[in-house]
Amino acid sequence: MKQSLDYKLIFALAAVGIIWGTTFLGIRVAVETIPPWFVTSIRQGLAGLIMMTILLFKKEMKWIGWGNFKQQLIPSVLMIVIANGFTTIAEKTLPSGLASVISALSPILIFLGSILVGLQKMSFKGFVGVLIGFSGVVFIFKDGLGSFLDADYRTGMMFMGFAILAWAIGTIYTKTHANKSNNIVLNLFYQFTSASCIQLVLASIFSPNPDFSSWSSRSIFAALYLSIFGSVIAFFSYSYALKHVTAVQVSILAYINTIIAVFLGWLLLDEVITIDFIIATALIILGVFIVNYKKKEKRTL
């Protein structure tokens, strides 16, 4: 019997691949005039309000209990506060295209982490993919090693490193623990709201006297876009996809994010795409593809 296509899953995967590709550009525009922690706090706070409105309308708003709340708080801190927050800080100094290429390493970290926790088996093919992906990162640094002397560049790269590590750990945790509850909207409400509160505290610490009059309408609209599309729609789609396929399979969408982000950065922000940058991107994508590619098994009669 032929298995029917799961159109909801296809839509969820497409939403993650396309929308999160555009968010690198959105973040870069938002942080032009708004301090990074305020961008993330506004983004997640509004997303939490949207989720709460949906829950109230459906009469599903309720306390989930301390046990489930703890399970939602862990991915909230890892994936939203740290991964999303640090990516936003990194893009204050890094081009959106470069940030997206570095983030394309997260599937390899998820692959290695999945092996450690028993969600994935190690293979020679996987090892080769990891090496090729890593060589792409080295290639990015080939001409820019001297740039590490630039404190801004070094800081941005450090924040991106912590961001992709936190994202990988959060994804694996969500797949193994926090995904047991069926109400994705309710879970995301608690994740977004918790993250927004933490990020608001961080914003008040690192940007204690914000000049709201200097916030451009362009940056504000970018923050609203990040909230509605980057958080509400994309995080819901990501959570839905994680319920139906493996963490590694969902994570390979990062290379679609990269292609879209690099293209939009070039098209709209005049970010330079060099031959080395294209080669590095291709190596990372190839590495991710090798890690995740599976041959279809031939049916034996």
Protein backbone atom coordinates (compact mmCIF):
# COMPACT_ATOMS: atom_id res chain seq x y z
CA MET A 1 0.00 0.00 0.00
CA LYS A 2 1.31 3.46 -0.90
CA GLN A 3 1.83 5.78 2.03
CA SER A 4 -0.06 9.05 1.53
CA LEU A 5 1.92 12.28 1.68
CA ASP A 6 1.77 14.16 4.97
CA TYR A 7 1.04 17.64 3.62
CA LYS A 8 1.17 19.20 7.10
CA LEU A 9 4.70 17.85 7.55
CA ILE A 10 5.76 19.06 4.08
CA PHE A 11 4.37 22.53 4.86
CA ALA A 12 6.12 22.54 8.26
CA LEU A 13 9.48 21.57 6.75
CA ALA A 14 9.11 24.14 3.94
CA ALA A 15 8.20 26.87 6.46
CA VAL A 16 11.28 26.10 8.57
CA GLY A 17 13.60 26.00 5.53
CA ILE A 18 12.34 29.20 3.92
CA ILE A 19 11.32 31.42 6.87
CA TRP A 20 14.43 30.85 8.97
CA GLY A 21 16.50 31.65 5.87
CA THR A 22 14.91 35.11 5.82
CA THR A 23 15.34 35.72 9.56
CA PHE A 24 19.11 36.23 9.26
CA LEU A 25 18.34 39.27 7.10
CA GLY A 26 15.56 40.33 9.50
CA ILE A 27 17.91 40.18 12.49
CA ARG A 28 20.60 42.18 10.65
CA VAL A 29 18.05 44.92 9.87
CA ALA A 30 16.51 44.88 13.38
CA VAL A 31 19.85 45.36 15.17
CA GLU A 32 20.73 48.36 12.98
CA THR A 33 19.01 50.64 15.52
CA ILE A 34 17.59 48.38 18.27
CA PRO A 35 19.90 46.79 20.90
CA PRO A 36 20.09 42.98 20.32
CA TRP A 37 18.55 41.86 23.63
CA PHE A 38 15.62 44.24 23.08
CA VAL A 39 15.12 42.75 19.59
CA THR A 40 14.90 39.23 21.03
CA SER A 41 12.73 40.24 24.00
CA ILE A 42 10.24 42.07 21.73
CA ARG A 43 10.30 39.17 19.27
CA GLN A 44 9.56 36.46 21.84
CA GLY A 45 7.25 38.62 23.98
CA LEU A 46 4.95 39.36 21.03
CA ALA A 47 5.14 35.70 19.96
CA GLY A 48 4.05 34.69 23.48
CA LEU A 49 1.09 37.10 23.32
CA ILE A 50 0.02 35.66 19.95
CA MET A 51 0.20 32.11 21.36
CA MET A 52 -1.78 33.21 24.44
CA THR A 53 -4.48 34.76 22.22
CA ILE A 54 -4.79 31.51 20.25
CA LEU A 55 -4.98 29.48 23.47
CA LEU A 56 -7.63 31.75 25.01
CA PHE A 57 -9.69 31.63 21.80
CA LYS A 58 -9.52 27.81 21.79
CA LYS A 59 -10.08 27.70 25.59
CA GLU A 60 -6.87 25.71 26.02
CA MET A 61 -4.98 28.16 28.25
CA LYS A 62 -3.86 26.35 31.42
CA TRP A 63 -0.99 25.76 33.82
CA ILE A 64 1.08 22.80 32.62
CA GLY A 65 2.53 21.81 35.99
CA TRP A 66 6.07 22.31 37.28
CA GLY A 67 7.38 19.09 35.70
CA ASN A 68 6.29 20.04 32.18
CA PHE A 69 7.24 23.69 32.76
CA LYS A 70 10.82 22.59 33.53
CA GLN A 71 10.83 20.54 30.31
CA GLN A 72 9.78 23.65 28.37
CA LEU A 73 12.18 25.98 30.21
CA ILE A 74 15.29 24.01 29.18
CA PRO A 75 14.77 24.31 25.38
CA SER A 76 13.53 27.88 25.94
CA VAL A 77 16.86 28.86 27.53
CA LEU A 78 18.99 26.85 25.08
CA MET A 79 17.22 27.55 21.77
CA ILE A 80 15.57 30.93 22.30
CA VAL A 81 17.55 32.80 24.96
CA ILE A 82 21.05 31.55 24.06
CA ALA A 83 20.89 30.37 20.41
CA ASN A 84 18.52 33.03 19.14
CA GLY A 85 19.85 35.74 21.45
CA PHE A 86 23.51 35.12 20.67
CA THR A 87 22.83 34.96 16.91
CA THR A 88 21.15 38.37 17.22
CA ILE A 89 24.18 39.78 19.08
CA ALA A 90 26.57 38.22 16.54
CA GLU A 91 24.79 39.91 13.63
CA LYS A 92 25.58 43.29 15.14
CA THR A 93 29.11 42.72 13.78
CA LEU A 94 28.80 39.84 11.28
CA PRO A 95 27.13 39.92 7.85
CA SER A 96 23.87 37.91 7.79
CA GLY A 97 25.26 35.58 5.12
CA LEU A 98 28.32 34.66 7.19
CA ALA A 99 26.18 34.12 10.30
CA SER A 100 23.92 31.75 8.34
CA VAL A 101 26.89 29.77 6.96
CA ILE A 102 28.22 29.23 10.48
CA SER A 103 24.74 28.22 11.65
CA ALA A 104 24.71 25.59 8.89
CA LEU A 105 27.13 23.63 11.07
CA SER A 106 24.35 22.92 13.59
CA PRO A 107 23.16 19.77 11.72
CA ILE A 108 26.63 18.27 12.14
CA LEU A 109 26.58 19.04 15.87
CA ILE A 110 23.08 17.53 16.07
CA PHE A 111 24.33 14.44 14.21
CA LEU A 112 27.25 13.99 16.64
CA GLY A 113 25.04 14.70 19.65
CA SER A 114 22.41 12.24 18.42
CA ILE A 115 25.13 9.55 18.30
CA LEU A 116 26.14 10.36 21.89
CA VAL A 117 22.58 9.96 23.20
CA GLY A 118 21.78 6.94 21.03
CA LEU A 119 19.39 8.61 18.55
CA GLN A 120 21.77 8.00 15.63
CA LYS A 121 24.37 5.38 14.68
CA MET A 122 27.91 6.40 13.75
CA SER A 123 29.07 5.55 10.22
CA PHE A 124 32.07 6.16 7.97
CA LYS A 125 29.81 8.22 5.68
CA GLY A 126 28.83 10.38 8.65
CA PHE A 127 32.47 10.86 9.66
CA VAL A 128 33.39 11.97 6.09
CA GLY A 129 30.45 14.40 6.08
CA VAL A 130 31.57 15.91 9.39
CA LEU A 131 35.12 16.40 8.05
CA ILE A 132 33.92 18.05 4.81
CA GLY A 133 31.56 20.35 6.71
CA PHE A 134 34.35 21.32 9.09
CA SER A 135 36.67 22.00 6.15
CA GLY A 136 34.10 24.53 4.92
CA VAL A 137 34.40 26.47 8.17
CA VAL A 138 38.19 26.39 7.95
CA PHE A 139 37.86 27.71 4.38
CA ILE A 140 35.80 30.67 5.61
CA PHE A 141 38.63 31.55 7.98
CA LYS A 142 41.37 31.01 5.37
CA ASP A 143 41.63 34.68 4.36
CA GLY A 144 40.07 36.00 7.52
CA LEU A 145 42.42 34.53 10.12
CA GLY A 146 44.01 37.95 10.51
CA SER A 147 40.55 39.35 11.19
CA PHE A 148 40.52 37.49 14.49
CA LEU A 149 42.69 40.36 15.72
CA ASP A 150 39.58 42.50 15.16
CA ALA A 151 37.72 42.27 18.47
CA ASP A 152 34.30 42.77 16.81
CA TYR A 153 34.83 39.93 14.35
CA ARG A 154 36.17 37.59 17.03
CA THR A 155 33.28 38.38 19.37
CA GLY A 156 30.67 37.77 16.66
CA MET A 157 32.20 34.39 15.76
CA MET A 158 32.34 33.39 19.44
CA PHE A 159 28.66 34.23 19.93
CA MET A 160 27.72 32.22 16.80
CA GLY A 161 29.72 29.25 18.13
CA PHE A 162 27.80 29.26 21.41
CA ALA A 163 24.54 29.79 19.51
CA ILE A 164 24.85 26.71 17.28
CA LEU A 165 26.02 24.56 20.20
CA ALA A 166 23.00 25.61 22.30
CA TRP A 167 20.68 25.05 19.32
CA ALA A 168 22.00 21.51 18.80
CA ILE A 169 21.64 20.59 22.49
CA GLY A 170 18.15 22.14 22.61
CA THR A 171 17.01 20.25 19.50
CA ILE A 172 18.21 16.90 20.87
CA TYR A 173 16.62 17.63 24.25
CA THR A 174 13.31 18.60 22.58
CA LYS A 175 13.33 15.37 20.56
CA THR A 176 14.01 13.19 23.60
CA HIS A 177 12.14 15.01 26.41
CA ALA A 178 10.07 18.11 25.79
CA ASN A 179 8.13 16.78 22.83
CA LYS A 180 5.90 14.41 24.77
CA SER A 181 3.11 16.95 25.29
CA ASN A 182 0.65 17.14 22.38
CA ASN A 183 -0.24 20.84 22.67
CA ILE A 184 2.58 22.56 20.75
CA VAL A 185 0.97 26.02 21.07
CA LEU A 186 0.75 25.71 24.87
CA ASN A 187 4.37 24.56 25.10
CA LEU A 188 5.56 27.41 22.87
CA PHE A 189 3.58 29.95 24.91
CA TYR A 190 5.59 29.01 28.00
CA GLN A 191 8.85 28.86 26.02
CA PHE A 192 8.39 32.28 24.38
CA THR A 193 7.12 33.98 27.55
CA SER A 194 9.94 32.58 29.72
CA ALA A 195 12.55 33.54 27.12
CA SER A 196 11.14 37.06 26.72
CA CYS A 197 11.26 37.69 30.48
CA ILE A 198 14.88 36.49 30.71
CA GLN A 199 15.87 38.53 27.64
CA LEU A 200 14.16 41.66 29.01
CA VAL A 201 16.30 41.37 32.16
CA LEU A 202 19.42 40.96 29.96
CA ALA A 203 18.34 43.96 27.85
CA SER A 204 18.01 46.13 30.96
CA ILE A 205 21.49 45.02 32.10
CA PHE A 206 23.35 45.45 28.78
CA SER A 207 21.33 48.40 27.39
CA PRO A 208 20.12 50.17 30.55
CA ASN A 209 19.16 53.50 28.91
CA PRO A 210 17.71 52.71 25.47
CA ASP A 211 17.00 55.66 23.19
CA PHE A 212 13.62 54.59 21.78
CA SER A 213 13.51 57.63 19.49
CA SER A 214 16.52 56.27 17.59
CA TRP A 215 14.72 53.02 16.72
CA SER A 216 13.93 53.19 13.00
CA SER A 217 10.60 51.99 11.59
CA ARG A 218 12.64 49.64 9.35
CA SER A 219 14.16 47.94 12.44
CA ILE A 220 10.80 47.81 14.24
CA PHE A 221 9.09 46.17 11.25
CA ALA A 222 11.98 43.68 11.06
CA ALA A 223 11.44 42.80 14.75
CA LEU A 224 7.70 42.32 14.11
CA TYR A 225 8.48 40.09 11.13
CA LEU A 226 10.86 38.04 13.28
CA SER A 227 8.14 37.65 15.90
CA ILE A 228 5.26 36.57 13.65
CA PHE A 229 7.14 34.56 11.04
CA GLY A 230 10.48 33.70 12.65
CA SER A 231 9.04 32.73 16.04
CA VAL A 232 5.31 31.90 15.86
CA ILE A 233 5.12 30.17 12.45
CA ALA A 234 8.65 28.76 12.17
CA PHE A 235 9.01 27.52 15.77
CA PHE A 236 5.56 25.89 15.58
CA SER A 237 6.56 24.22 12.30
CA TYR A 238 9.91 23.10 13.77
CA SER A 239 8.19 21.60 16.83
CA TYR A 240 5.62 19.86 14.61
CA ALA A 241 8.34 18.44 12.35
CA LEU A 242 10.36 17.17 15.33
CA LYS A 243 7.33 15.10 16.38
CA HIS A 244 7.24 13.31 13.02
CA VAL A 245 10.85 12.94 11.79
CA THR A 246 14.31 12.64 13.38
CA ALA A 247 16.20 15.60 14.80
CA VAL A 248 18.93 15.17 12.16
CA GLN A 249 16.41 15.13 9.29
CA VAL A 250 14.83 18.40 10.47
CA SER A 251 18.23 19.96 11.06
CA ILE A 252 19.35 19.58 7.40
CA LEU A 253 16.96 22.43 6.57
CA ALA A 254 19.74 24.68 7.88
CA TYR A 255 21.44 24.50 4.49
CA ILE A 256 18.29 25.86 2.80
CA ASN A 257 18.36 28.67 5.40
CA THR A 258 21.96 29.37 4.41
CA ILE A 259 21.31 29.59 0.66
CA ILE A 260 18.34 31.94 1.20
CA ALA A 261 20.17 34.08 3.78
CA VAL A 262 23.31 34.49 1.66
CA PHE A 263 21.23 35.39 -1.41
CA LEU A 264 19.07 37.93 0.47
CA GLY A 265 22.13 39.49 2.14
CA TRP A 266 23.66 40.01 -1.31
CA LEU A 267 20.40 41.19 -2.91
CA LEU A 268 19.14 43.59 -0.24
CA LEU A 269 22.08 44.55 1.97
CA ASP A 270 24.87 44.60 -0.62
CA GLU A 271 26.82 41.97 1.32
CA VAL A 272 29.78 40.73 -0.69
CA ILE A 273 29.77 37.12 -1.91
CA THR A 274 33.31 36.03 -2.81
CA ILE A 275 34.36 32.83 -4.58
CA ASP A 276 35.90 31.59 -1.31
CA PHE A 277 32.59 32.23 0.45
CA ILE A 278 30.71 30.21 -2.19
CA ILE A 279 33.22 27.33 -1.92
CA ALA A 280 32.96 27.36 1.88
CA THR A 281 29.16 27.33 1.70
CA ALA A 282 29.25 24.46 -0.82
CA LEU A 283 31.60 22.43 1.42
CA ILE A 284 29.36 22.88 4.46
CA ILE A 285 26.24 21.97 2.48
CA LEU A 286 28.00 18.94 0.97
CA GLY A 287 29.08 17.82 4.43
CA VAL A 288 25.54 18.14 5.78
CA PHE A 289 24.16 16.28 2.74
CA ILE A 290 26.61 13.38 3.12
CA VAL A 291 25.79 13.09 6.83
CA ASN A 292 22.06 12.85 6.13
CA TYR A 293 21.80 11.15 2.73
CA LYS A 294 20.28 7.69 2.69
CA LYS A 295 20.00 5.42 -0.33
CA LYS A 296 16.57 3.98 -0.96
CA GLU A 297 16.66 0.30 -0.21
CA LYS A 298 15.79 -1.98 -3.11
CA ARG A 299 12.87 -4.23 -2.42
CA THR A 300 13.67 -7.91 -2.59
CA LEU A 301 11.16 -10.19 -4.19
